[in-house]
Amino acid sequence: MDLSLPLIVQGRDGEERYVIKLSVSLEREEP
């Protein structure tokens, strides 16, 4: 199961843009 959360950060001048991608992966543990 993968969860992806993209965040867009805009610069002060309004031209620069940064994309922050956070990803979380959940794996099931087998006993």
C-alpha atoms as a PDB file:
ATOM      1  CA  MET A   1       0.000   0.000   0.000  1.00  0.00           C
ATOM      2  CA  ASP A   2       1.518   3.270  -1.091  1.00  0.00           C
ATOM      3  CA  LEU A   3       0.375   6.719  -0.060  1.00  0.00           C
ATOM      4  CA  SER A   4       1.604   9.693  -2.045  1.00  0.00           C
ATOM      5  CA  LEU A   5       1.205  13.325  -1.022  1.00  0.00           C
ATOM      6  CA  PRO A   6       2.526  15.979  -3.400  1.00  0.00           C
ATOM      7  CA  LEU A   7       2.945  19.507  -2.031  1.00  0.00           C
ATOM      8  CA  ILE A   8       3.455  22.530  -4.266  1.00  0.00           C
ATOM      9  CA  VAL A   9       5.350  25.423  -2.751  1.00  0.00           C
ATOM     10  CA  GLN A  10       5.401  28.697  -4.624  1.00  0.00           C
ATOM     11  CA  GLY A  11       8.302  31.125  -4.309  1.00  0.00           C
ATOM     12  CA  ARG A  12       7.998  34.717  -3.159  1.00  0.00           C
ATOM     13  CA  ASP A  13       8.525  36.104  -6.645  1.00  0.00           C
ATOM     14  CA  GLY A  14       5.669  33.926  -7.866  1.00  0.00           C
ATOM     15  CA  GLU A  15       7.726  32.328 -10.615  1.00  0.00           C
ATOM     16  CA  GLU A  16       9.662  29.644  -8.797  1.00  0.00           C
ATOM     17  CA  ARG A  17       7.817  26.511  -7.818  1.00  0.00           C
ATOM     18  CA  TYR A  18       8.958  23.597  -5.759  1.00  0.00           C
ATOM     19  CA  VAL A  19       7.240  20.248  -5.565  1.00  0.00           C
ATOM     20  CA  ILE A  20       7.692  18.262  -2.364  1.00  0.00           C
ATOM     21  CA  LYS A  21       6.649  14.647  -2.686  1.00  0.00           C
ATOM     22  CA  LEU A  22       6.114  12.633   0.453  1.00  0.00           C
ATOM     23  CA  SER A  23       5.606   8.915   0.034  1.00  0.00           C
ATOM     24  CA  VAL A  24       4.713   6.373   2.679  1.00  0.00           C
ATOM     25  CA  SER A  25       4.754   2.659   2.014  1.00  0.00           C
ATOM     26  CA  LEU A  26       3.124   0.155   4.342  1.00  0.00           C
ATOM     27  CA  GLU A  27       4.171  -3.470   4.215  1.00  0.00           C
ATOM     28  CA  ARG A  28       2.436  -6.328   5.928  1.00  0.00           C
ATOM     29  CA  GLU A  29       4.658  -8.447   8.102  1.00  0.00           C
ATOM     30  CA  GLU A  30       4.258 -12.172   7.832  1.00  0.00           C
ATOM     31  CA  PRO A  31       4.728 -14.001  11.123  1.00  0.00           C
END
